[in-house]
Amino acid sequence: MKNAVVVTFALATLFLIAASARAQPAPAAQPGPETATFAAGCFWGTEEFFRKVPGVLETRVGYTGGHTKDPTYEDTSSGTTGHAESLELKFDPAKISYTQLLTLFFKMHDPTTPNRQGNDVGTQYRSAIFFHGEQQRQAALALMQRIDKSGAWHAKLTTEVAPAGVFYPAEAYHQKYLVKHPGGYDNHYLRNISF
């Protein structure tokens, strides 16, 4: 009889513990890395700028936004592929938000010059945001509206906002180019503007 009471008590206790565990909400999942894709002229300088930003976990340069499959640098440089020299980066949203990245994007290049950044001219050097999901699209459009209203730039923004498509990584010699070639060509810098 004593054993039966102990077993019954043990089973009841286990049942209450299990029921209590099911009633507890699961801990919130930690957000994983997110992806952002930007085009801001020559991808060497774009990568060099963003790879130093705290919260950016990894970067790679490549081609996106066009119609040619597996383009090369030479293909993209011809201006016939529709692709832009672009940067794809992974970031930790717990350390830097997408809106903060967008703010840096709009300060580190001139988003008012269509198909041009500094000495680089052509559609492959256009200003573009390739969004990964509706939240990124909305964030980009809202910030662009705020920037245009602020008058921070001398002209209206020409930045393209389009869904992210296939990203074709550039050739190995373009990856981290300015790390391998310090002092190489780069016309990207943080402008002292507010919007």
C-alpha atoms as a PDB file:
ATOM      1  CA  MET A   1       0.000   0.000   0.000  1.00  0.00           C
ATOM      2  CA  LYS A   2       2.808   2.416   0.933  1.00  0.00           C
ATOM      3  CA  ASN A   3       4.546   1.688  -2.407  1.00  0.00           C
ATOM      4  CA  ALA A   4       1.308   2.357  -4.290  1.00  0.00           C
ATOM      5  CA  VAL A   5       0.946   5.767  -2.601  1.00  0.00           C
ATOM      6  CA  VAL A   6       4.571   6.667  -3.394  1.00  0.00           C
ATOM      7  CA  VAL A   7       4.161   5.605  -7.042  1.00  0.00           C
ATOM      8  CA  THR A   8       0.874   7.524  -7.342  1.00  0.00           C
ATOM      9  CA  PHE A   9       2.446  10.615  -5.765  1.00  0.00           C
ATOM     10  CA  ALA A  10       5.469  10.351  -8.107  1.00  0.00           C
ATOM     11  CA  LEU A  11       3.243  10.009 -11.182  1.00  0.00           C
ATOM     12  CA  ALA A  12       1.087  12.951 -10.089  1.00  0.00           C
ATOM     13  CA  THR A  13       4.203  15.075  -9.542  1.00  0.00           C
ATOM     14  CA  LEU A  14       5.581  14.176 -13.000  1.00  0.00           C
ATOM     15  CA  PHE A  15       2.215  14.970 -14.570  1.00  0.00           C
ATOM     16  CA  LEU A  16       2.130  18.407 -12.886  1.00  0.00           C
ATOM     17  CA  ILE A  17       5.715  19.175 -13.947  1.00  0.00           C
ATOM     18  CA  ALA A  18       4.979  18.156 -17.548  1.00  0.00           C
ATOM     19  CA  ALA A  19       1.755  20.198 -17.628  1.00  0.00           C
ATOM     20  CA  SER A  20       3.558  23.200 -16.166  1.00  0.00           C
ATOM     21  CA  ALA A  21       6.332  22.922 -18.757  1.00  0.00           C
ATOM     22  CA  ARG A  22       3.777  22.871 -21.577  1.00  0.00           C
ATOM     23  CA  ALA A  23       2.036  25.951 -20.185  1.00  0.00           C
ATOM     24  CA  GLN A  24       5.265  27.994 -20.092  1.00  0.00           C
ATOM     25  CA  PRO A  25       5.885  30.030 -23.232  1.00  0.00           C
ATOM     26  CA  ALA A  26       8.942  28.992 -25.184  1.00  0.00           C
ATOM     27  CA  PRO A  27      11.848  31.392 -24.865  1.00  0.00           C
ATOM     28  CA  ALA A  28      11.977  33.919 -27.719  1.00  0.00           C
ATOM     29  CA  ALA A  29      14.153  32.743 -30.556  1.00  0.00           C
ATOM     30  CA  GLN A  30      17.243  34.832 -31.086  1.00  0.00           C
ATOM     31  CA  PRO A  31      17.182  36.440 -34.517  1.00  0.00           C
ATOM     32  CA  GLY A  32      19.756  34.988 -36.864  1.00  0.00           C
ATOM     33  CA  PRO A  33      21.859  36.890 -39.361  1.00  0.00           C
ATOM     34  CA  GLU A  34      19.999  38.794 -42.057  1.00  0.00           C
ATOM     35  CA  THR A  35      21.057  39.700 -45.590  1.00  0.00           C
ATOM     36  CA  ALA A  36      21.258  43.124 -47.235  1.00  0.00           C
ATOM     37  CA  THR A  37      22.216  43.818 -50.850  1.00  0.00           C
ATOM     38  CA  PHE A  38      23.322  47.253 -52.045  1.00  0.00           C
ATOM     39  CA  ALA A  39      24.773  48.765 -55.213  1.00  0.00           C
ATOM     40  CA  ALA A  40      26.652  52.046 -54.794  1.00  0.00           C
ATOM     41  CA  GLY A  41      29.116  52.315 -57.654  1.00  0.00           C
ATOM     42  CA  CYS A  42      32.373  50.367 -57.715  1.00  0.00           C
ATOM     43  CA  PHE A  43      31.918  47.394 -55.411  1.00  0.00           C
ATOM     44  CA  TRP A  44      35.493  47.543 -54.085  1.00  0.00           C
ATOM     45  CA  GLY A  45      34.809  50.687 -52.064  1.00  0.00           C
ATOM     46  CA  THR A  46      31.298  49.644 -51.104  1.00  0.00           C
ATOM     47  CA  GLU A  47      32.645  46.436 -49.587  1.00  0.00           C
ATOM     48  CA  GLU A  48      35.546  48.192 -47.876  1.00  0.00           C
ATOM     49  CA  PHE A  49      33.169  50.677 -46.258  1.00  0.00           C
ATOM     50  CA  PHE A  50      30.613  48.150 -44.980  1.00  0.00           C
ATOM     51  CA  ARG A  51      33.012  45.414 -43.879  1.00  0.00           C
ATOM     52  CA  LYS A  52      34.238  47.753 -41.118  1.00  0.00           C
ATOM     53  CA  VAL A  53      30.746  48.469 -39.729  1.00  0.00           C
ATOM     54  CA  PRO A  54      30.141  46.833 -36.328  1.00  0.00           C
ATOM     55  CA  GLY A  55      27.412  44.219 -36.692  1.00  0.00           C
ATOM     56  CA  VAL A  56      28.306  43.359 -40.280  1.00  0.00           C
ATOM     57  CA  LEU A  57      29.353  39.719 -40.147  1.00  0.00           C
ATOM     58  CA  GLU A  58      30.497  39.006 -43.708  1.00  0.00           C
ATOM     59  CA  THR A  59      30.621  40.642 -47.113  1.00  0.00           C
ATOM     60  CA  ARG A  60      30.999  39.558 -50.705  1.00  0.00           C
ATOM     61  CA  VAL A  61      30.877  41.476 -53.957  1.00  0.00           C
ATOM     62  CA  GLY A  62      29.140  40.393 -57.112  1.00  0.00           C
ATOM     63  CA  TYR A  63      26.565  41.118 -59.750  1.00  0.00           C
ATOM     64  CA  THR A  64      22.774  41.305 -59.468  1.00  0.00           C
ATOM     65  CA  GLY A  65      19.745  43.086 -60.877  1.00  0.00           C
ATOM     66  CA  GLY A  66      20.213  42.049 -64.483  1.00  0.00           C
ATOM     67  CA  HIS A  67      19.238  39.394 -66.980  1.00  0.00           C
ATOM     68  CA  THR A  68      22.481  37.578 -67.884  1.00  0.00           C
ATOM     69  CA  LYS A  69      23.195  34.265 -66.117  1.00  0.00           C
ATOM     70  CA  ASP A  70      26.637  33.837 -64.535  1.00  0.00           C
ATOM     71  CA  PRO A  71      28.056  37.176 -65.680  1.00  0.00           C
ATOM     72  CA  THR A  72      31.754  37.930 -65.442  1.00  0.00           C
ATOM     73  CA  TYR A  73      33.339  41.254 -64.581  1.00  0.00           C
ATOM     74  CA  GLU A  74      33.978  41.836 -68.276  1.00  0.00           C
ATOM     75  CA  ASP A  75      30.345  41.052 -69.130  1.00  0.00           C
ATOM     76  CA  THR A  76      29.039  43.403 -66.449  1.00  0.00           C
ATOM     77  CA  SER A  77      31.510  46.147 -67.360  1.00  0.00           C
ATOM     78  CA  SER A  78      30.116  46.161 -70.902  1.00  0.00           C
ATOM     79  CA  GLY A  79      26.845  47.551 -69.535  1.00  0.00           C
ATOM     80  CA  THR A  80      24.780  45.016 -71.507  1.00  0.00           C
ATOM     81  CA  THR A  81      23.915  42.525 -68.740  1.00  0.00           C
ATOM     82  CA  GLY A  82      21.618  44.773 -66.724  1.00  0.00           C
ATOM     83  CA  HIS A  83      23.571  43.822 -63.592  1.00  0.00           C
ATOM     84  CA  ALA A  84      24.959  46.275 -61.060  1.00  0.00           C
ATOM     85  CA  GLU A  85      28.231  45.862 -59.225  1.00  0.00           C
ATOM     86  CA  SER A  86      26.798  44.986 -55.819  1.00  0.00           C
ATOM     87  CA  LEU A  87      27.588  44.076 -52.254  1.00  0.00           C
ATOM     88  CA  GLU A  88      25.808  41.301 -50.399  1.00  0.00           C
ATOM     89  CA  LEU A  89      26.337  41.401 -46.671  1.00  0.00           C
ATOM     90  CA  LYS A  90      25.217  39.417 -43.655  1.00  0.00           C
ATOM     91  CA  PHE A  91      24.488  41.401 -40.520  1.00  0.00           C
ATOM     92  CA  ASP A  92      23.437  40.794 -36.947  1.00  0.00           C
ATOM     93  CA  PRO A  93      20.149  42.687 -36.385  1.00  0.00           C
ATOM     94  CA  ALA A  94      20.795  42.636 -32.629  1.00  0.00           C
ATOM     95  CA  LYS A  95      23.862  44.834 -33.254  1.00  0.00           C
ATOM     96  CA  ILE A  96      22.820  46.967 -36.237  1.00  0.00           C
ATOM     97  CA  SER A  97      19.419  47.447 -37.779  1.00  0.00           C
ATOM     98  CA  TYR A  98      18.592  47.389 -41.455  1.00  0.00           C
ATOM     99  CA  THR A  99      17.540  51.049 -41.212  1.00  0.00           C
ATOM    100  CA  GLN A 100      20.957  51.929 -39.751  1.00  0.00           C
ATOM    101  CA  LEU A 101      22.619  50.140 -42.694  1.00  0.00           C
ATOM    102  CA  LEU A 102      20.389  52.059 -45.108  1.00  0.00           C
ATOM    103  CA  THR A 103      21.340  55.339 -43.438  1.00  0.00           C
ATOM    104  CA  LEU A 104      25.027  54.540 -43.935  1.00  0.00           C
ATOM    105  CA  PHE A 105      24.314  53.499 -47.546  1.00  0.00           C
ATOM    106  CA  PHE A 106      22.728  56.871 -48.309  1.00  0.00           C
ATOM    107  CA  LYS A 107      25.632  58.742 -46.698  1.00  0.00           C
ATOM    108  CA  MET A 108      28.544  56.775 -48.202  1.00  0.00           C
ATOM    109  CA  HIS A 109      27.778  57.387 -51.890  1.00  0.00           C
ATOM    110  CA  ASP A 110      25.915  59.955 -53.982  1.00  0.00           C
ATOM    111  CA  PRO A 111      22.434  58.491 -54.540  1.00  0.00           C
ATOM    112  CA  THR A 112      21.406  61.392 -56.802  1.00  0.00           C
ATOM    113  CA  THR A 113      23.619  60.627 -59.788  1.00  0.00           C
ATOM    114  CA  PRO A 114      21.945  58.160 -62.158  1.00  0.00           C
ATOM    115  CA  ASN A 115      24.270  55.421 -63.398  1.00  0.00           C
ATOM    116  CA  ARG A 116      27.385  57.061 -62.013  1.00  0.00           C
ATOM    117  CA  GLN A 117      29.624  57.212 -58.947  1.00  0.00           C
ATOM    118  CA  GLY A 118      32.733  59.354 -59.277  1.00  0.00           C
ATOM    119  CA  ASN A 119      34.783  58.230 -62.276  1.00  0.00           C
ATOM    120  CA  ASP A 120      32.590  55.160 -62.834  1.00  0.00           C
ATOM    121  CA  VAL A 121      29.855  55.657 -65.427  1.00  0.00           C
ATOM    122  CA  GLY A 122      27.296  53.121 -66.653  1.00  0.00           C
ATOM    123  CA  THR A 123      24.224  51.239 -65.487  1.00  0.00           C
ATOM    124  CA  GLN A 124      26.470  48.779 -63.649  1.00  0.00           C
ATOM    125  CA  TYR A 125      27.399  51.646 -61.276  1.00  0.00           C
ATOM    126  CA  ARG A 126      23.834  52.680 -60.413  1.00  0.00           C
ATOM    127  CA  SER A 127      22.580  53.233 -56.892  1.00  0.00           C
ATOM    128  CA  ALA A 128      20.282  50.362 -55.907  1.00  0.00           C
ATOM    129  CA  ILE A 129      18.780  48.567 -52.953  1.00  0.00           C
ATOM    130  CA  PHE A 130      17.862  44.948 -53.587  1.00  0.00           C
ATOM    131  CA  PHE A 131      15.470  44.125 -50.776  1.00  0.00           C
ATOM    132  CA  HIS A 132      15.026  40.773 -49.053  1.00  0.00           C
ATOM    133  CA  GLY A 133      11.385  40.866 -47.974  1.00  0.00           C
ATOM    134  CA  GLU A 134       8.624  43.406 -47.526  1.00  0.00           C
ATOM    135  CA  GLN A 135      10.034  44.881 -44.300  1.00  0.00           C
ATOM    136  CA  GLN A 136      13.261  45.846 -46.072  1.00  0.00           C
ATOM    137  CA  ARG A 137      11.324  47.325 -49.006  1.00  0.00           C
ATOM    138  CA  GLN A 138       9.165  49.425 -46.666  1.00  0.00           C
ATOM    139  CA  ALA A 139      12.206  50.577 -44.659  1.00  0.00           C
ATOM    140  CA  ALA A 140      14.004  51.661 -47.847  1.00  0.00           C
ATOM    141  CA  LEU A 141      11.020  53.574 -49.250  1.00  0.00           C
ATOM    142  CA  ALA A 142      10.296  55.301 -45.930  1.00  0.00           C
ATOM    143  CA  LEU A 143      13.904  56.436 -45.513  1.00  0.00           C
ATOM    144  CA  MET A 144      14.114  57.615 -49.121  1.00  0.00           C
ATOM    145  CA  GLN A 145      10.997  59.718 -48.626  1.00  0.00           C
ATOM    146  CA  ARG A 146      12.484  61.220 -45.461  1.00  0.00           C
ATOM    147  CA  ILE A 147      15.782  61.986 -47.240  1.00  0.00           C
ATOM    148  CA  ASP A 148      14.066  63.651 -50.197  1.00  0.00           C
ATOM    149  CA  LYS A 149      11.937  65.791 -47.845  1.00  0.00           C
ATOM    150  CA  SER A 150      15.005  66.810 -45.816  1.00  0.00           C
ATOM    151  CA  GLY A 151      16.826  68.366 -48.756  1.00  0.00           C
ATOM    152  CA  ALA A 152      20.071  66.808 -47.474  1.00  0.00           C
ATOM    153  CA  TRP A 153      21.105  66.005 -51.050  1.00  0.00           C
ATOM    154  CA  HIS A 154      21.192  68.662 -53.801  1.00  0.00           C
ATOM    155  CA  ALA A 155      18.814  66.651 -56.027  1.00  0.00           C
ATOM    156  CA  LYS A 156      16.194  63.916 -55.823  1.00  0.00           C
ATOM    157  CA  LEU A 157      17.337  60.375 -55.135  1.00  0.00           C
ATOM    158  CA  THR A 158      17.736  58.099 -58.154  1.00  0.00           C
ATOM    159  CA  THR A 159      18.233  54.910 -56.127  1.00  0.00           C
ATOM    160  CA  GLU A 160      16.485  51.876 -57.582  1.00  0.00           C
ATOM    161  CA  VAL A 161      14.536  49.712 -55.115  1.00  0.00           C
ATOM    162  CA  ALA A 162      13.965  46.191 -56.428  1.00  0.00           C
ATOM    163  CA  PRO A 163      13.518  42.678 -55.066  1.00  0.00           C
ATOM    164  CA  ALA A 164      16.737  40.759 -54.537  1.00  0.00           C
ATOM    165  CA  GLY A 165      17.262  38.202 -57.259  1.00  0.00           C
ATOM    166  CA  VAL A 166      20.103  35.836 -57.960  1.00  0.00           C
ATOM    167  CA  PHE A 167      23.388  37.200 -56.631  1.00  0.00           C
ATOM    168  CA  TYR A 168      26.375  36.104 -58.709  1.00  0.00           C
ATOM    169  CA  PRO A 169      29.591  36.372 -56.675  1.00  0.00           C
ATOM    170  CA  ALA A 170      32.373  38.237 -58.449  1.00  0.00           C
ATOM    171  CA  GLU A 171      35.682  36.648 -59.264  1.00  0.00           C
ATOM    172  CA  ALA A 172      38.010  35.899 -56.332  1.00  0.00           C
ATOM    173  CA  TYR A 173      40.387  38.766 -57.121  1.00  0.00           C
ATOM    174  CA  HIS A 174      37.545  41.270 -56.525  1.00  0.00           C
ATOM    175  CA  GLN A 175      36.687  39.930 -53.051  1.00  0.00           C
ATOM    176  CA  LYS A 176      38.174  42.151 -50.298  1.00  0.00           C
ATOM    177  CA  TYR A 177      40.057  43.936 -53.088  1.00  0.00           C
ATOM    178  CA  LEU A 178      41.029  46.978 -51.020  1.00  0.00           C
ATOM    179  CA  VAL A 179      42.268  44.752 -48.197  1.00  0.00           C
ATOM    180  CA  LYS A 180      44.624  43.112 -50.707  1.00  0.00           C
ATOM    181  CA  HIS A 181      45.434  46.448 -52.409  1.00  0.00           C
ATOM    182  CA  PRO A 182      45.444  49.194 -49.752  1.00  0.00           C
ATOM    183  CA  GLY A 183      45.213  52.639 -51.296  1.00  0.00           C
ATOM    184  CA  GLY A 184      43.435  51.314 -54.385  1.00  0.00           C
ATOM    185  CA  TYR A 185      40.636  53.199 -56.120  1.00  0.00           C
ATOM    186  CA  ASP A 186      37.803  54.113 -53.761  1.00  0.00           C
ATOM    187  CA  ASN A 187      35.423  57.078 -53.882  1.00  0.00           C
ATOM    188  CA  HIS A 188      33.242  56.045 -50.928  1.00  0.00           C
ATOM    189  CA  TYR A 189      33.263  57.977 -47.673  1.00  0.00           C
ATOM    190  CA  LEU A 190      30.807  58.982 -44.971  1.00  0.00           C
ATOM    191  CA  ARG A 191      29.244  62.360 -45.756  1.00  0.00           C
ATOM    192  CA  ASN A 192      28.409  64.691 -42.901  1.00  0.00           C
ATOM    193  CA  ILE A 193      24.738  65.137 -43.752  1.00  0.00           C
ATOM    194  CA  SER A 194      21.573  64.769 -41.713  1.00  0.00           C
ATOM    195  CA  PHE A 195      18.121  63.671 -42.754  1.00  0.00           C
END
